[in-house]
Amino acid sequence: MKATLYADGGSRGNPGPAASGAVLYDEQGKVLEEIGTFLGVATNNVAEWTALLEGLKAALERGVDDITVRMDSELVVKQLAGTYRVKHPGLIPLHAQAKSLLRRFASYDVKHVPRSANAAADAVVNAVLDAQA
């Protein structure tokens, strides 16, 4: 089964109240699942990585074996590709977990998209943060 995952994270303050959001779509563009998680106080980067992890887990639970991932976090995309090294100790285990999850798919494609193309995942993040305010 093929699916597309849009993932985003955000914090109000860095660090500050943070949330992750992910939206999983089927091949026809129908929403399969929205995942929003309040993270407490965290950095924006932790929120971005967590959004990816939560989305990948949801995709695997639904039997997705071919995943397309789109994120507006250039940092996460480039760290996954190996273009940028993961130096921050708090991000190293998140990176390792993401790589491990991605290996469970028959195929995957991870690319950076402009923020405007990631509006659905961003809306999930903001809804979670607004609910905590």
Protein backbone atom coordinates (compact mmCIF):
# COMPACT_ATOMS: atom_id res chain seq x y z
CA MET A 1 0.00 0.00 0.00
CA LYS A 2 1.27 3.47 -0.90
CA ALA A 3 0.76 6.57 1.21
CA THR A 4 2.03 10.11 1.60
CA LEU A 5 2.96 11.56 4.97
CA TYR A 6 3.14 15.27 5.69
CA ALA A 7 4.79 15.98 9.03
CA ASP A 8 5.48 19.17 10.96
CA GLY A 9 6.47 20.24 14.43
CA GLY A 10 6.51 23.51 16.24
CA SER A 11 7.18 25.18 19.53
CA ARG A 12 6.03 28.50 20.88
CA GLY A 13 9.36 29.64 22.17
CA ASN A 14 12.43 27.55 21.51
CA PRO A 15 12.24 25.67 23.76
CA GLY A 16 8.62 26.20 24.72
CA PRO A 17 5.27 24.47 24.55
CA ALA A 18 5.68 22.13 21.59
CA ALA A 19 3.60 19.81 19.44
CA SER A 20 3.99 17.51 16.50
CA GLY A 21 1.52 16.98 13.70
CA ALA A 22 1.32 14.45 10.91
CA VAL A 23 -1.25 13.78 8.22
CA LEU A 24 -1.25 10.49 6.33
CA TYR A 25 -2.94 10.33 2.90
CA ASP A 26 -3.79 7.39 0.68
CA GLU A 27 -2.98 7.29 -3.05
CA GLN A 28 -6.19 9.15 -3.89
CA GLY A 29 -5.38 11.97 -1.49
CA LYS A 30 -7.90 10.91 1.15
CA VAL A 31 -6.85 11.50 4.75
CA LEU A 32 -6.17 8.17 6.43
CA GLU A 33 -5.12 9.61 9.78
CA GLU A 34 -4.16 12.82 11.57
CA ILE A 35 -1.78 12.52 14.48
CA GLY A 36 -1.27 15.42 16.86
CA THR A 37 0.84 15.12 19.99
CA PHE A 38 1.52 17.67 22.72
CA LEU A 39 5.16 17.34 23.78
CA GLY A 40 5.30 19.66 26.77
CA VAL A 41 8.32 21.95 26.70
CA ALA A 42 10.61 21.02 23.82
CA THR A 43 12.57 22.56 20.97
CA ASN A 44 11.25 23.02 17.47
CA ASN A 45 13.72 20.40 16.19
CA VAL A 46 12.50 17.79 18.69
CA ALA A 47 8.93 18.56 17.60
CA GLU A 48 9.84 18.12 13.91
CA TRP A 49 11.56 14.78 14.51
CA THR A 50 8.69 13.58 16.71
CA ALA A 51 6.16 14.44 14.00
CA LEU A 52 8.10 12.29 11.54
CA LEU A 53 8.34 9.39 14.00
CA GLU A 54 4.64 9.47 14.90
CA GLY A 55 3.66 9.60 11.23
CA LEU A 56 5.94 6.73 10.26
CA LYS A 57 4.59 4.57 13.10
CA ALA A 58 1.00 5.29 12.03
CA ALA A 59 1.84 4.38 8.43
CA LEU A 60 3.41 1.08 9.46
CA GLU A 61 0.43 0.26 11.69
CA ARG A 62 -1.84 0.75 8.65
CA GLY A 63 0.23 -1.60 6.51
CA VAL A 64 1.85 1.06 4.33
CA ASP A 65 4.92 -0.34 2.59
CA ASP A 66 5.68 2.50 0.14
CA ILE A 67 5.85 5.90 1.85
CA THR A 68 6.38 9.37 0.49
CA VAL A 69 7.36 11.83 3.22
CA ARG A 70 7.13 15.59 2.83
CA MET A 71 8.35 18.02 5.48
CA ASP A 72 9.10 21.72 5.58
CA SER A 73 12.01 21.11 7.95
CA GLU A 74 15.05 21.30 5.73
CA LEU A 75 17.19 20.31 8.73
CA VAL A 76 15.37 17.00 9.30
CA VAL A 77 15.32 16.14 5.59
CA LYS A 78 19.03 16.87 5.17
CA GLN A 79 19.96 15.04 8.35
CA LEU A 80 18.02 11.98 7.17
CA ALA A 81 19.79 12.13 3.80
CA GLY A 82 23.17 12.40 5.50
CA THR A 83 23.84 15.84 4.02
CA TYR A 84 23.96 17.31 7.54
CA ARG A 85 25.35 15.50 10.55
CA VAL A 86 23.21 15.08 13.65
CA LYS A 87 25.30 16.68 16.37
CA HIS A 88 22.82 17.54 19.12
CA PRO A 89 22.75 14.72 21.71
CA GLY A 90 18.96 15.01 22.09
CA LEU A 91 18.38 14.50 18.37
CA ILE A 92 20.72 11.54 17.82
CA PRO A 93 18.28 8.92 19.19
CA LEU A 94 15.37 10.48 17.24
CA HIS A 95 17.42 10.30 14.04
CA ALA A 96 18.36 6.67 14.74
CA GLN A 97 14.72 5.76 15.40
CA ALA A 98 13.59 7.45 12.16
CA LYS A 99 16.23 5.59 10.14
CA SER A 100 15.15 2.33 11.77
CA LEU A 101 11.47 2.96 10.98
CA LEU A 102 12.23 3.95 7.37
CA ARG A 103 14.10 0.67 6.84
CA ARG A 104 10.83 -1.17 7.57
CA PHE A 105 9.25 0.21 4.38
CA ALA A 106 9.82 -1.51 1.03
CA SER A 107 10.51 1.95 -0.38
CA TYR A 108 10.47 5.53 0.80
CA ASP A 109 11.09 9.01 -0.51
CA VAL A 110 11.75 11.93 1.82
CA LYS A 111 11.80 15.46 0.42
CA HIS A 112 11.66 19.04 1.63
CA VAL A 113 8.63 21.10 0.64
CA PRO A 114 7.87 24.78 1.21
CA ARG A 115 5.92 25.60 4.34
CA SER A 116 2.89 26.47 2.21
CA ALA A 117 2.76 22.88 0.92
CA ASN A 118 2.66 21.53 4.47
CA ALA A 119 -0.40 23.44 5.68
CA ALA A 120 -2.40 20.41 6.85
CA ALA A 121 0.31 19.14 9.20
CA ASP A 122 0.98 22.68 10.41
CA ALA A 123 -2.74 23.06 11.20
CA VAL A 124 -2.61 19.91 13.35
CA VAL A 125 0.37 21.33 15.28
CA ASN A 126 -1.40 24.62 15.90
CA ALA A 127 -4.66 22.93 16.92
CA VAL A 128 -2.79 20.87 19.52
CA LEU A 129 -0.94 23.92 20.83
CA ASP A 130 -4.11 26.03 20.91
CA ALA A 131 -5.89 23.30 22.89
CA GLN A 132 -3.14 23.47 25.52
CA ALA A 133 -3.24 27.27 25.85
